[in-house]
């Protein structure tokens, strides 16, 4: 459904907006939750969508016509979004020493509509409590670069319940060069999948959050 909404927004915006990848922009904050034993147990996502995408996504959701979007009216959309994200590994890669930590399907999720923007909140549980290793990283990105994630530098990551000796460091992605931008701009809006060479370039644009416990 998230990709369906993106496709709908692209079709509607095509006459007035550039058709280059990415098509949807997300301001993101991340949270890693720890248990009493100091192990990671979940990742909490806070993703705020851009105004243009929001405007199309919320069409027809005001069922009672009161001009407001209630939690009840937004919940079905939230449910479909988190369920469809499973096909894309939730755009989430938590790796410990190079091995991806398996996750469960989210059970806690909701959408909020405020100041013309939708924000998706959901908790992604790990299948088992996982210790922080010497090389522990969290990446949140769309490998096809349909959705571009932007992290606010001083709010990118929160460690909740972590031992006092644990810290997280956010590294923004490298800036995109003009050649890459031109190649992405040449891809038609109705082509969701990037060619292999561009997929590799898009992967290099991922933000990286490193977690270390001394």
N, C-alpha and C. Protein backbone atom coordinates (compact mmCIF):
# COMPACT_ATOMS: atom_id res chain seq x y z
N UNK A 1 0.83 -1.21 0.00
CA UNK A 1 0.00 0.00 0.00
C UNK A 1 0.86 1.25 0.00
N UNK A 2 1.96 1.24 0.73
CA UNK A 2 2.84 2.40 0.72
C UNK A 2 3.32 2.67 -0.69
N UNK A 3 3.77 1.63 -1.41
CA UNK A 3 4.21 1.81 -2.78
C UNK A 3 3.02 2.18 -3.67
N UNK A 4 1.82 1.65 -3.40
CA UNK A 4 0.65 2.01 -4.18
C UNK A 4 0.33 3.49 -4.01
N UNK A 5 0.41 3.97 -2.78
CA UNK A 5 0.18 5.39 -2.53
C UNK A 5 1.23 6.23 -3.23
N UNK A 6 2.47 5.78 -3.22
CA UNK A 6 3.54 6.50 -3.89
C UNK A 6 3.24 6.59 -5.39
N UNK A 7 2.83 5.47 -5.98
CA UNK A 7 2.52 5.46 -7.41
C UNK A 7 1.37 6.42 -7.72
N UNK A 8 0.38 6.44 -6.85
CA UNK A 8 -0.75 7.34 -7.04
C UNK A 8 -0.30 8.79 -6.98
N UNK A 9 0.54 9.10 -6.01
CA UNK A 9 1.03 10.47 -5.86
C UNK A 9 1.86 10.88 -7.07
N UNK A 10 2.67 9.95 -7.58
CA UNK A 10 3.50 10.25 -8.75
C UNK A 10 2.62 10.60 -9.95
N UNK A 11 1.59 9.78 -10.18
CA UNK A 11 0.71 10.01 -11.31
C UNK A 11 0.03 11.37 -11.21
N UNK A 12 -0.38 11.73 -10.01
CA UNK A 12 -1.09 12.99 -9.82
C UNK A 12 -0.16 14.19 -9.92
N UNK A 13 1.09 13.99 -9.52
CA UNK A 13 2.03 15.11 -9.50
C UNK A 13 2.82 15.26 -10.79
N UNK A 14 2.71 14.28 -11.66
CA UNK A 14 3.59 14.24 -12.82
C UNK A 14 3.50 15.49 -13.68
N UNK A 15 2.32 16.08 -13.74
CA UNK A 15 2.16 17.25 -14.61
C UNK A 15 2.82 18.49 -14.04
N UNK A 16 3.08 18.50 -12.74
CA UNK A 16 3.60 19.73 -12.11
C UNK A 16 4.95 19.53 -11.44
N UNK A 17 5.43 18.31 -11.32
CA UNK A 17 6.67 18.07 -10.58
C UNK A 17 7.64 17.27 -11.42
N UNK A 18 8.91 17.40 -11.09
CA UNK A 18 9.93 16.61 -11.77
C UNK A 18 9.71 15.13 -11.49
N UNK A 19 10.06 14.28 -12.46
CA UNK A 19 9.77 12.86 -12.33
C UNK A 19 11.01 12.06 -11.92
N UNK A 20 11.98 12.69 -11.33
CA UNK A 20 13.20 11.99 -10.93
C UNK A 20 13.01 11.27 -9.62
N UNK A 21 13.78 10.20 -9.43
CA UNK A 21 13.86 9.60 -8.12
C UNK A 21 14.59 10.57 -7.19
N UNK A 22 14.27 10.65 -5.93
CA UNK A 22 13.15 10.00 -5.24
C UNK A 22 11.85 10.75 -5.44
N UNK A 23 10.73 10.08 -5.09
CA UNK A 23 9.41 10.68 -5.25
C UNK A 23 8.78 11.07 -3.92
N UNK A 24 9.23 10.48 -2.85
CA UNK A 24 8.66 10.75 -1.53
C UNK A 24 9.81 11.07 -0.58
N UNK A 25 9.60 12.06 0.29
CA UNK A 25 10.65 12.49 1.22
C UNK A 25 10.16 12.31 2.65
N UNK A 26 11.01 11.72 3.47
CA UNK A 26 10.66 11.39 4.84
C UNK A 26 11.69 11.99 5.80
N UNK A 27 11.20 12.72 6.79
CA UNK A 27 12.05 13.15 7.90
C UNK A 27 11.94 12.08 8.98
N UNK A 28 13.06 11.47 9.34
CA UNK A 28 13.02 10.29 10.20
C UNK A 28 13.78 10.49 11.51
N UNK A 29 13.25 9.84 12.53
CA UNK A 29 13.94 9.69 13.80
C UNK A 29 13.88 8.21 14.16
N UNK A 30 14.94 7.72 14.79
CA UNK A 30 15.01 6.30 15.15
C UNK A 30 15.29 6.15 16.64
N UNK A 31 14.82 5.03 17.17
CA UNK A 31 15.03 4.72 18.58
C UNK A 31 15.32 3.23 18.71
N UNK A 32 16.38 2.89 19.40
CA UNK A 32 16.67 1.48 19.70
C UNK A 32 16.36 1.24 21.16
N UNK A 33 15.55 0.22 21.42
CA UNK A 33 15.08 -0.08 22.77
C UNK A 33 15.90 -1.24 23.35
N UNK A 34 16.33 -1.07 24.59
CA UNK A 34 17.12 -2.09 25.29
C UNK A 34 16.32 -2.68 26.45
N UNK A 35 16.64 -3.92 26.81
CA UNK A 35 16.01 -4.53 27.99
C UNK A 35 16.91 -4.35 29.22
N UNK A 36 16.48 -4.89 30.34
CA UNK A 36 17.22 -4.71 31.59
C UNK A 36 18.59 -5.37 31.55
N UNK A 37 18.77 -6.34 30.65
CA UNK A 37 20.05 -7.02 30.53
C UNK A 37 21.01 -6.29 29.59
N UNK A 38 20.57 -5.17 29.05
CA UNK A 38 21.44 -4.39 28.17
C UNK A 38 21.45 -4.88 26.74
N UNK A 39 20.43 -5.65 26.34
CA UNK A 39 20.36 -6.13 24.96
C UNK A 39 19.30 -5.36 24.18
N UNK A 40 19.52 -5.24 22.89
CA UNK A 40 18.56 -4.56 22.02
C UNK A 40 17.34 -5.45 21.81
N UNK A 41 16.15 -4.85 21.90
CA UNK A 41 14.92 -5.63 21.75
C UNK A 41 14.00 -5.11 20.65
N UNK A 42 14.14 -3.84 20.24
CA UNK A 42 13.22 -3.29 19.24
C UNK A 42 13.80 -2.02 18.64
N UNK A 43 13.25 -1.68 17.48
CA UNK A 43 13.56 -0.41 16.81
C UNK A 43 12.25 0.34 16.66
N UNK A 44 12.22 1.56 17.15
CA UNK A 44 11.04 2.40 16.99
C UNK A 44 11.31 3.43 15.91
N UNK A 45 10.40 3.48 14.94
CA UNK A 45 10.53 4.41 13.82
C UNK A 45 9.55 5.56 13.97
N UNK A 46 9.99 6.76 13.63
CA UNK A 46 9.12 7.92 13.51
C UNK A 46 9.42 8.54 12.14
N UNK A 47 8.48 8.39 11.21
CA UNK A 47 8.69 8.83 9.83
C UNK A 47 7.63 9.86 9.46
N UNK A 48 8.06 11.09 9.18
CA UNK A 48 7.14 12.15 8.78
C UNK A 48 7.25 12.37 7.27
N UNK A 49 6.12 12.23 6.57
CA UNK A 49 6.09 12.34 5.12
C UNK A 49 5.95 13.79 4.67
N UNK A 50 6.44 14.05 3.47
CA UNK A 50 6.41 15.41 2.96
C UNK A 50 4.97 15.85 2.67
N UNK A 51 4.70 17.17 2.62
CA UNK A 51 3.33 17.67 2.45
C UNK A 51 2.66 17.20 1.16
N UNK A 52 3.41 17.15 0.05
CA UNK A 52 2.79 16.76 -1.22
C UNK A 52 2.30 15.32 -1.19
N UNK A 53 3.14 14.43 -0.70
CA UNK A 53 2.72 13.03 -0.59
C UNK A 53 1.56 12.88 0.38
N UNK A 54 1.63 13.59 1.51
CA UNK A 54 0.56 13.53 2.50
C UNK A 54 -0.78 13.93 1.89
N UNK A 55 -0.77 15.00 1.10
CA UNK A 55 -2.02 15.52 0.53
C UNK A 55 -2.76 14.46 -0.29
N UNK A 56 -2.01 13.64 -1.01
CA UNK A 56 -2.64 12.59 -1.80
C UNK A 56 -2.99 11.37 -0.96
N UNK A 57 -2.16 11.06 0.02
CA UNK A 57 -2.38 9.86 0.83
C UNK A 57 -3.64 9.97 1.67
N UNK A 58 -4.01 11.18 2.09
CA UNK A 58 -5.15 11.33 3.01
C UNK A 58 -6.46 11.56 2.28
N UNK A 59 -6.44 11.61 0.95
CA UNK A 59 -7.69 11.82 0.23
C UNK A 59 -8.69 10.72 0.54
N UNK A 60 -9.91 11.13 0.90
CA UNK A 60 -10.99 10.18 1.15
C UNK A 60 -10.96 9.54 2.52
N UNK A 61 -10.02 9.90 3.37
CA UNK A 61 -9.94 9.27 4.69
C UNK A 61 -10.88 9.89 5.72
N UNK A 62 -11.35 11.10 5.47
CA UNK A 62 -12.25 11.77 6.42
C UNK A 62 -13.66 11.22 6.24
N UNK A 63 -13.90 10.04 6.81
CA UNK A 63 -15.14 9.30 6.57
C UNK A 63 -16.38 10.05 7.05
N UNK A 64 -16.28 10.75 8.17
CA UNK A 64 -17.46 11.42 8.72
C UNK A 64 -17.58 12.87 8.25
N UNK A 65 -16.65 13.34 7.42
CA UNK A 65 -16.74 14.66 6.84
C UNK A 65 -16.65 15.81 7.80
N UNK A 66 -15.98 15.60 8.93
CA UNK A 66 -15.90 16.68 9.92
C UNK A 66 -14.67 17.58 9.72
N UNK A 67 -13.90 17.31 8.67
CA UNK A 67 -12.73 18.14 8.42
C UNK A 67 -11.51 17.76 9.24
N UNK A 68 -11.60 16.71 10.02
CA UNK A 68 -10.50 16.23 10.85
C UNK A 68 -10.22 14.77 10.52
N UNK A 69 -8.98 14.33 10.79
CA UNK A 69 -8.62 12.93 10.62
C UNK A 69 -8.37 12.33 12.00
N UNK A 70 -9.28 11.48 12.43
CA UNK A 70 -9.17 10.88 13.76
C UNK A 70 -8.23 9.68 13.72
N UNK A 71 -7.86 9.21 14.91
CA UNK A 71 -7.03 8.01 15.00
C UNK A 71 -7.73 6.83 14.33
N UNK A 72 -9.05 6.75 14.51
CA UNK A 72 -9.81 5.64 13.93
C UNK A 72 -9.79 5.69 12.41
N UNK A 73 -9.86 6.90 11.84
CA UNK A 73 -9.85 7.03 10.39
C UNK A 73 -8.47 6.75 9.80
N UNK A 74 -7.43 7.02 10.57
CA UNK A 74 -6.07 6.81 10.08
C UNK A 74 -5.56 5.39 10.31
N UNK A 75 -6.13 4.66 11.27
CA UNK A 75 -5.59 3.37 11.66
C UNK A 75 -5.58 2.34 10.53
N UNK A 76 -6.63 2.23 9.70
CA UNK A 76 -6.55 1.25 8.60
C UNK A 76 -5.39 1.52 7.65
N UNK A 77 -5.13 2.79 7.37
CA UNK A 77 -3.99 3.14 6.50
C UNK A 77 -2.67 2.77 7.16
N UNK A 78 -2.58 3.02 8.46
CA UNK A 78 -1.36 2.65 9.19
C UNK A 78 -1.14 1.14 9.12
N UNK A 79 -2.20 0.38 9.29
CA UNK A 79 -2.09 -1.08 9.27
C UNK A 79 -1.60 -1.59 7.92
N UNK A 80 -2.18 -1.07 6.85
CA UNK A 80 -1.77 -1.52 5.52
C UNK A 80 -0.33 -1.12 5.24
N UNK A 81 0.05 0.08 5.69
CA UNK A 81 1.42 0.54 5.45
C UNK A 81 2.45 -0.38 6.11
N UNK A 82 2.28 -0.68 7.40
CA UNK A 82 3.29 -1.49 8.08
C UNK A 82 3.28 -2.92 7.55
N UNK A 83 2.11 -3.41 7.14
CA UNK A 83 2.07 -4.77 6.59
C UNK A 83 2.77 -4.82 5.24
N UNK A 84 2.60 -3.79 4.41
CA UNK A 84 3.24 -3.79 3.10
C UNK A 84 4.75 -3.58 3.20
N UNK A 85 5.20 -2.91 4.25
CA UNK A 85 6.63 -2.67 4.42
C UNK A 85 7.41 -3.97 4.64
N UNK A 86 6.72 -5.03 5.04
CA UNK A 86 7.40 -6.31 5.24
C UNK A 86 8.10 -6.76 3.96
N UNK A 87 7.49 -6.49 2.82
CA UNK A 87 8.07 -6.91 1.54
C UNK A 87 9.38 -6.19 1.23
N UNK A 88 9.63 -5.10 1.94
CA UNK A 88 10.84 -4.31 1.72
C UNK A 88 11.74 -4.31 2.96
N UNK A 89 11.55 -5.35 3.81
CA UNK A 89 12.34 -5.48 5.04
C UNK A 89 12.22 -4.23 5.91
N UNK A 90 11.04 -3.59 5.80
CA UNK A 90 10.73 -2.40 6.62
C UNK A 90 11.73 -1.26 6.39
N UNK A 91 12.43 -1.30 5.25
CA UNK A 91 13.46 -0.29 4.96
C UNK A 91 14.48 -0.21 6.10
N UNK A 92 14.69 -1.30 6.80
CA UNK A 92 15.49 -1.29 8.03
C UNK A 92 16.55 -2.39 7.99
N UNK A 93 17.78 -2.02 8.31
CA UNK A 93 18.86 -3.00 8.42
C UNK A 93 19.61 -2.76 9.72
N UNK A 94 19.36 -3.57 10.71
CA UNK A 94 20.15 -3.58 11.93
C UNK A 94 21.12 -4.74 11.82
N UNK A 95 22.41 -4.43 11.79
CA UNK A 95 23.42 -5.46 11.61
C UNK A 95 24.38 -5.47 12.80
N UNK A 96 24.70 -6.68 13.26
CA UNK A 96 25.68 -6.87 14.33
C UNK A 96 26.81 -7.70 13.74
N UNK A 97 27.97 -7.07 13.64
CA UNK A 97 29.15 -7.73 13.05
C UNK A 97 28.84 -8.29 11.66
N UNK A 98 28.10 -7.50 10.87
CA UNK A 98 27.81 -7.86 9.50
C UNK A 98 26.62 -8.77 9.29
N UNK A 99 25.97 -9.21 10.37
CA UNK A 99 24.82 -10.13 10.26
C UNK A 99 23.55 -9.37 10.63
N UNK A 100 22.56 -9.43 9.74
CA UNK A 100 21.31 -8.71 9.99
C UNK A 100 20.53 -9.36 11.13
N UNK A 101 20.05 -8.57 12.06
CA UNK A 101 19.24 -9.07 13.18
C UNK A 101 17.82 -9.29 12.69
N UNK A 102 17.28 -10.51 12.82
CA UNK A 102 15.90 -10.79 12.37
C UNK A 102 14.88 -10.01 13.19
N UNK A 103 13.78 -9.64 12.54
CA UNK A 103 12.74 -8.86 13.21
C UNK A 103 11.39 -9.56 13.10
N UNK A 104 10.49 -9.18 14.00
CA UNK A 104 9.11 -9.64 13.96
C UNK A 104 8.24 -8.57 13.30
N UNK A 105 7.02 -8.95 12.94
CA UNK A 105 6.08 -7.98 12.38
C UNK A 105 5.65 -7.00 13.47
N UNK A 106 5.51 -5.73 13.13
CA UNK A 106 5.09 -4.73 14.12
C UNK A 106 3.68 -5.00 14.63
N UNK A 107 3.49 -4.81 15.91
CA UNK A 107 2.17 -4.90 16.54
C UNK A 107 1.71 -3.54 17.06
N UNK A 108 2.65 -2.63 17.24
CA UNK A 108 2.37 -1.30 17.76
C UNK A 108 2.64 -0.30 16.65
N UNK A 109 1.60 0.38 16.17
CA UNK A 109 1.78 1.34 15.07
C UNK A 109 0.58 2.28 15.02
N UNK A 110 0.82 3.49 14.51
CA UNK A 110 -0.27 4.44 14.29
C UNK A 110 0.23 5.57 13.39
N UNK A 111 -0.73 6.28 12.83
CA UNK A 111 -0.45 7.47 12.02
C UNK A 111 -0.98 8.70 12.73
N UNK A 112 -0.25 9.80 12.58
CA UNK A 112 -0.68 11.09 13.12
C UNK A 112 -0.70 12.09 11.97
N UNK A 113 -1.73 12.94 11.95
CA UNK A 113 -1.82 13.99 10.93
C UNK A 113 -1.80 15.33 11.62
N UNK A 114 -0.75 16.13 11.32
CA UNK A 114 -0.60 17.41 11.99
C UNK A 114 0.13 18.38 11.07
N UNK A 115 -0.39 19.60 10.98
CA UNK A 115 0.22 20.65 10.14
C UNK A 115 0.44 20.19 8.70
N UNK A 116 -0.54 19.45 8.18
CA UNK A 116 -0.48 19.05 6.79
C UNK A 116 0.49 17.93 6.47
N UNK A 117 0.95 17.20 7.49
CA UNK A 117 1.90 16.11 7.25
C UNK A 117 1.50 14.87 8.03
N UNK A 118 1.63 13.73 7.38
CA UNK A 118 1.41 12.44 8.04
C UNK A 118 2.71 11.97 8.68
N UNK A 119 2.59 11.42 9.88
CA UNK A 119 3.74 10.81 10.55
C UNK A 119 3.38 9.39 10.94
N UNK A 120 4.20 8.44 10.52
CA UNK A 120 4.01 7.04 10.86
C UNK A 120 4.90 6.67 12.03
N UNK A 121 4.29 6.13 13.08
CA UNK A 121 5.00 5.63 14.25
C UNK A 121 4.83 4.12 14.28
N UNK A 122 5.92 3.37 14.37
CA UNK A 122 5.76 1.93 14.57
C UNK A 122 7.00 1.33 15.23
N UNK A 123 6.75 0.26 15.97
CA UNK A 123 7.81 -0.43 16.69
C UNK A 123 8.09 -1.76 16.01
N UNK A 124 9.35 -1.99 15.67
CA UNK A 124 9.79 -3.20 14.99
C UNK A 124 10.54 -4.08 16.00
N UNK A 125 9.88 -5.12 16.55
CA UNK A 125 10.55 -5.96 17.55
C UNK A 125 11.61 -6.86 16.93
N UNK A 126 12.70 -7.06 17.63
CA UNK A 126 13.68 -8.06 17.20
C UNK A 126 13.17 -9.44 17.61
N UNK A 127 13.52 -10.45 16.83
CA UNK A 127 13.04 -11.80 17.14
C UNK A 127 13.60 -12.31 18.45
N UNK A 128 14.77 -11.82 18.82
CA UNK A 128 15.38 -12.22 20.09
C UNK A 128 16.23 -11.06 20.59
N UNK A 129 16.32 -10.88 21.91
CA UNK A 129 17.21 -9.84 22.43
C UNK A 129 18.62 -10.03 21.88
N UNK A 130 19.22 -8.94 21.45
CA UNK A 130 20.49 -9.00 20.74
C UNK A 130 21.51 -8.07 21.38
N UNK A 131 22.68 -8.61 21.66
CA UNK A 131 23.74 -7.80 22.25
C UNK A 131 24.37 -6.89 21.21
N UNK A 132 24.83 -5.75 21.65
CA UNK A 132 25.58 -4.85 20.78
C UNK A 132 26.97 -5.44 20.58
N UNK A 133 27.37 -5.60 19.32
CA UNK A 133 28.67 -6.15 19.02
C UNK A 133 29.67 -5.06 18.70
N UNK A 134 30.92 -5.42 18.44
CA UNK A 134 31.94 -4.42 18.10
C UNK A 134 31.57 -3.58 16.89
N UNK A 135 30.81 -4.18 15.95
CA UNK A 135 30.39 -3.46 14.75
C UNK A 135 28.88 -3.57 14.62
N UNK A 136 28.16 -2.65 15.23
CA UNK A 136 26.70 -2.65 15.21
C UNK A 136 26.21 -1.39 14.51
N UNK A 137 25.43 -1.58 13.45
CA UNK A 137 24.96 -0.44 12.67
C UNK A 137 23.47 -0.57 12.38
N UNK A 138 22.82 0.57 12.28
CA UNK A 138 21.42 0.66 11.86
C UNK A 138 21.36 1.54 10.63
N UNK A 139 20.78 0.99 9.56
CA UNK A 139 20.55 1.75 8.34
C UNK A 139 19.06 1.74 8.05
N UNK A 140 18.52 2.88 7.70
CA UNK A 140 17.12 3.00 7.31
C UNK A 140 17.09 3.69 5.96
N UNK A 141 16.74 2.94 4.91
CA UNK A 141 16.70 3.52 3.57
C UNK A 141 15.95 2.61 2.62
N UNK A 142 15.48 3.19 1.53
CA UNK A 142 14.82 2.46 0.46
C UNK A 142 15.87 2.14 -0.60
N UNK A 143 16.20 0.87 -0.81
CA UNK A 143 17.26 0.53 -1.76
C UNK A 143 16.94 0.94 -3.20
N UNK A 144 15.65 1.16 -3.51
CA UNK A 144 15.28 1.61 -4.85
C UNK A 144 15.22 3.13 -4.93
N UNK A 145 15.41 3.81 -3.80
CA UNK A 145 15.47 5.27 -3.74
C UNK A 145 14.19 5.93 -4.22
N UNK A 146 13.05 5.21 -4.09
CA UNK A 146 11.75 5.83 -4.31
C UNK A 146 11.46 6.78 -3.15
N UNK A 147 11.86 6.34 -1.96
CA UNK A 147 11.66 7.13 -0.75
C UNK A 147 13.02 7.59 -0.26
N UNK A 148 13.17 8.88 -0.04
CA UNK A 148 14.43 9.43 0.47
C UNK A 148 14.25 9.77 1.95
N UNK A 149 15.14 9.24 2.79
CA UNK A 149 15.07 9.48 4.22
C UNK A 149 16.08 10.56 4.62
N UNK A 150 15.59 11.52 5.37
CA UNK A 150 16.43 12.58 5.90
C UNK A 150 16.39 12.52 7.42
N UNK A 151 17.55 12.51 8.05
CA UNK A 151 17.62 12.47 9.51
C UNK A 151 18.07 13.83 10.04
N UNK A 152 17.35 14.32 11.04
CA UNK A 152 17.77 15.54 11.71
C UNK A 152 18.99 15.20 12.55
N UNK A 153 20.10 15.85 12.29
CA UNK A 153 21.40 15.42 12.82
C UNK A 153 21.40 15.23 14.34
N UNK A 154 20.80 16.15 15.08
CA UNK A 154 20.87 16.04 16.54
C UNK A 154 19.71 15.26 17.13
N UNK A 155 18.85 14.68 16.27
CA UNK A 155 17.72 13.89 16.76
C UNK A 155 17.59 12.55 16.04
N UNK A 156 18.63 12.16 15.33
CA UNK A 156 18.53 10.98 14.47
C UNK A 156 18.29 9.70 15.26
N UNK A 157 18.90 9.57 16.43
CA UNK A 157 18.85 8.30 17.15
C UNK A 157 18.77 8.53 18.66
N UNK A 158 17.94 7.72 19.29
CA UNK A 158 17.83 7.69 20.75
C UNK A 158 18.01 6.25 21.21
N UNK A 159 18.80 6.05 22.24
CA UNK A 159 18.97 4.73 22.84
C UNK A 159 18.16 4.71 24.14
N UNK A 160 17.10 3.90 24.17
CA UNK A 160 16.18 3.88 25.31
C UNK A 160 16.47 2.67 26.19
N UNK A 161 16.79 2.94 27.44
CA UNK A 161 17.08 1.86 28.38
C UNK A 161 18.45 1.25 28.19
N UNK A 162 19.31 1.91 27.42
CA UNK A 162 20.64 1.35 27.15
C UNK A 162 21.55 1.51 28.36
N UNK A 163 22.53 0.61 28.51
CA UNK A 163 23.53 0.80 29.56
C UNK A 163 24.25 2.13 29.40
N UNK A 164 24.74 2.65 30.49
CA UNK A 164 25.38 3.97 30.48
C UNK A 164 26.60 4.03 29.56
N UNK A 165 27.20 2.89 29.30
CA UNK A 165 28.41 2.88 28.47
C UNK A 165 28.12 2.75 26.98
N UNK A 166 26.85 2.84 26.59
CA UNK A 166 26.48 2.71 25.19
C UNK A 166 26.23 4.09 24.58
N UNK A 167 26.69 4.26 23.36
CA UNK A 167 26.50 5.51 22.64
C UNK A 167 26.18 5.21 21.18
N UNK A 168 25.51 6.18 20.54
CA UNK A 168 25.19 6.04 19.12
C UNK A 168 25.73 7.25 18.37
N UNK A 169 26.23 6.99 17.17
CA UNK A 169 26.79 8.06 16.35
C UNK A 169 26.15 8.01 14.97
N UNK A 170 25.63 9.14 14.53
CA UNK A 170 24.96 9.24 13.23
C UNK A 170 25.92 9.80 12.19
N UNK A 171 26.03 9.09 11.06
CA UNK A 171 26.84 9.56 9.94
C UNK A 171 25.93 9.79 8.74
N UNK A 172 25.79 11.03 8.29
CA UNK A 172 24.92 11.29 7.15
C UNK A 172 25.52 10.70 5.88
N UNK A 173 24.68 10.48 4.86
CA UNK A 173 25.20 9.95 3.61
C UNK A 173 26.03 10.98 2.87
N UNK A 174 26.86 10.50 1.97
CA UNK A 174 27.63 11.43 1.15
C UNK A 174 26.68 12.17 0.21
N UNK A 175 27.09 13.36 -0.19
CA UNK A 175 26.27 14.14 -1.11
C UNK A 175 26.27 13.50 -2.50
N UNK A 176 25.12 13.58 -3.13
CA UNK A 176 24.99 12.99 -4.45
C UNK A 176 25.69 13.87 -5.49
N UNK A 177 26.48 13.25 -6.37
CA UNK A 177 27.17 14.01 -7.40
C UNK A 177 26.22 14.28 -8.57
N UNK A 178 26.61 15.21 -9.42
CA UNK A 178 25.75 15.64 -10.52
C UNK A 178 25.46 14.50 -11.50
N UNK A 179 26.45 13.63 -11.72
CA UNK A 179 26.24 12.53 -12.64
C UNK A 179 25.14 11.60 -12.13
N UNK A 180 25.19 11.27 -10.83
CA UNK A 180 24.17 10.39 -10.25
C UNK A 180 22.80 11.04 -10.32
N UNK A 181 22.74 12.33 -10.00
CA UNK A 181 21.46 13.03 -10.06
C UNK A 181 20.89 13.01 -11.47
N UNK A 182 21.74 13.17 -12.46
CA UNK A 182 21.29 13.17 -13.85
C UNK A 182 20.76 11.79 -14.25
N UNK A 183 21.46 10.74 -13.81
CA UNK A 183 21.02 9.38 -14.13
C UNK A 183 19.68 9.07 -13.49
N UNK A 184 19.52 9.48 -12.24
CA UNK A 184 18.25 9.24 -11.56
C UNK A 184 17.13 10.05 -12.20
N UNK A 185 17.43 11.27 -12.60
CA UNK A 185 16.42 12.13 -13.21
C UNK A 185 15.92 11.57 -14.54
N UNK A 186 16.74 10.76 -15.19
CA UNK A 186 16.38 10.23 -16.50
C UNK A 186 15.45 9.02 -16.40
N UNK A 187 15.25 8.49 -15.20
CA UNK A 187 14.40 7.31 -15.02
C UNK A 187 12.94 7.74 -15.00
N UNK A 188 12.09 7.13 -15.82
CA UNK A 188 10.67 7.52 -15.84
C UNK A 188 10.01 7.32 -14.48
N UNK A 189 8.99 8.13 -14.20
CA UNK A 189 8.30 8.06 -12.92
C UNK A 189 7.59 6.74 -12.72
N UNK A 190 7.22 6.06 -13.83
CA UNK A 190 6.49 4.80 -13.69
C UNK A 190 7.42 3.59 -13.62
N UNK A 191 8.72 3.82 -13.49
CA UNK A 191 9.68 2.72 -13.33
C UNK A 191 10.15 2.70 -11.88
N UNK A 192 9.59 1.80 -11.06
CA UNK A 192 9.91 1.81 -9.64
C UNK A 192 11.27 1.21 -9.29
N UNK A 193 11.76 0.29 -10.12
CA UNK A 193 13.01 -0.41 -9.80
C UNK A 193 14.19 0.23 -10.51
N UNK A 194 15.25 0.43 -9.75
CA UNK A 194 16.45 1.02 -10.33
C UNK A 194 17.28 -0.06 -11.04
N UNK A 195 18.00 0.31 -12.10
CA UNK A 195 18.99 -0.60 -12.68
C UNK A 195 20.05 -0.95 -11.63
N UNK A 196 20.72 -2.08 -11.83
CA UNK A 196 21.65 -2.57 -10.81
C UNK A 196 22.72 -1.55 -10.46
N UNK A 197 23.27 -0.88 -11.48
CA UNK A 197 24.35 0.06 -11.19
C UNK A 197 23.85 1.24 -10.36
N UNK A 198 22.64 1.70 -10.66
CA UNK A 198 22.08 2.81 -9.88
C UNK A 198 21.63 2.34 -8.50
N UNK A 199 21.22 1.08 -8.39
CA UNK A 199 20.86 0.55 -7.08
C UNK A 199 22.06 0.56 -6.15
N UNK A 200 23.23 0.23 -6.69
CA UNK A 200 24.45 0.27 -5.89
C UNK A 200 24.76 1.70 -5.45
N UNK A 201 24.55 2.66 -6.37
CA UNK A 201 24.78 4.05 -6.02
C UNK A 201 23.80 4.52 -4.95
N UNK A 202 22.54 4.11 -5.08
CA UNK A 202 21.53 4.51 -4.11
C UNK A 202 21.84 3.94 -2.73
N UNK A 203 22.34 2.71 -2.69
CA UNK A 203 22.69 2.10 -1.41
C UNK A 203 23.78 2.88 -0.70
N UNK A 204 24.66 3.50 -1.48
CA UNK A 204 25.75 4.27 -0.87
C UNK A 204 25.25 5.58 -0.27
N UNK A 205 23.99 5.92 -0.53
CA UNK A 205 23.42 7.16 0.00
C UNK A 205 22.73 6.93 1.34
N UNK A 206 22.81 5.72 1.87
CA UNK A 206 22.16 5.43 3.15
C UNK A 206 22.86 6.12 4.30
N UNK A 207 22.05 6.64 5.24
CA UNK A 207 22.59 7.12 6.49
C UNK A 207 22.97 5.94 7.36
N UNK A 208 23.98 6.09 8.20
CA UNK A 208 24.44 4.99 9.05
C UNK A 208 24.47 5.45 10.50
N UNK A 209 23.83 4.67 11.36
CA UNK A 209 23.88 4.92 12.80
C UNK A 209 24.70 3.80 13.43
N UNK A 210 25.81 4.14 14.03
CA UNK A 210 26.68 3.15 14.67
C UNK A 210 26.42 3.17 16.17
N UNK A 211 26.29 1.97 16.75
CA UNK A 211 26.05 1.82 18.18
C UNK A 211 27.24 1.08 18.80
N UNK A 212 27.79 1.65 19.85
CA UNK A 212 28.93 1.03 20.53
C UNK A 212 28.71 1.06 22.04
N UNK A 213 29.08 -0.04 22.69
CA UNK A 213 29.05 -0.12 24.15
C UNK A 213 30.45 -0.49 24.61
N UNK A 214 31.06 0.41 25.37
CA UNK A 214 32.46 0.18 25.77
C UNK A 214 32.53 -0.87 26.87
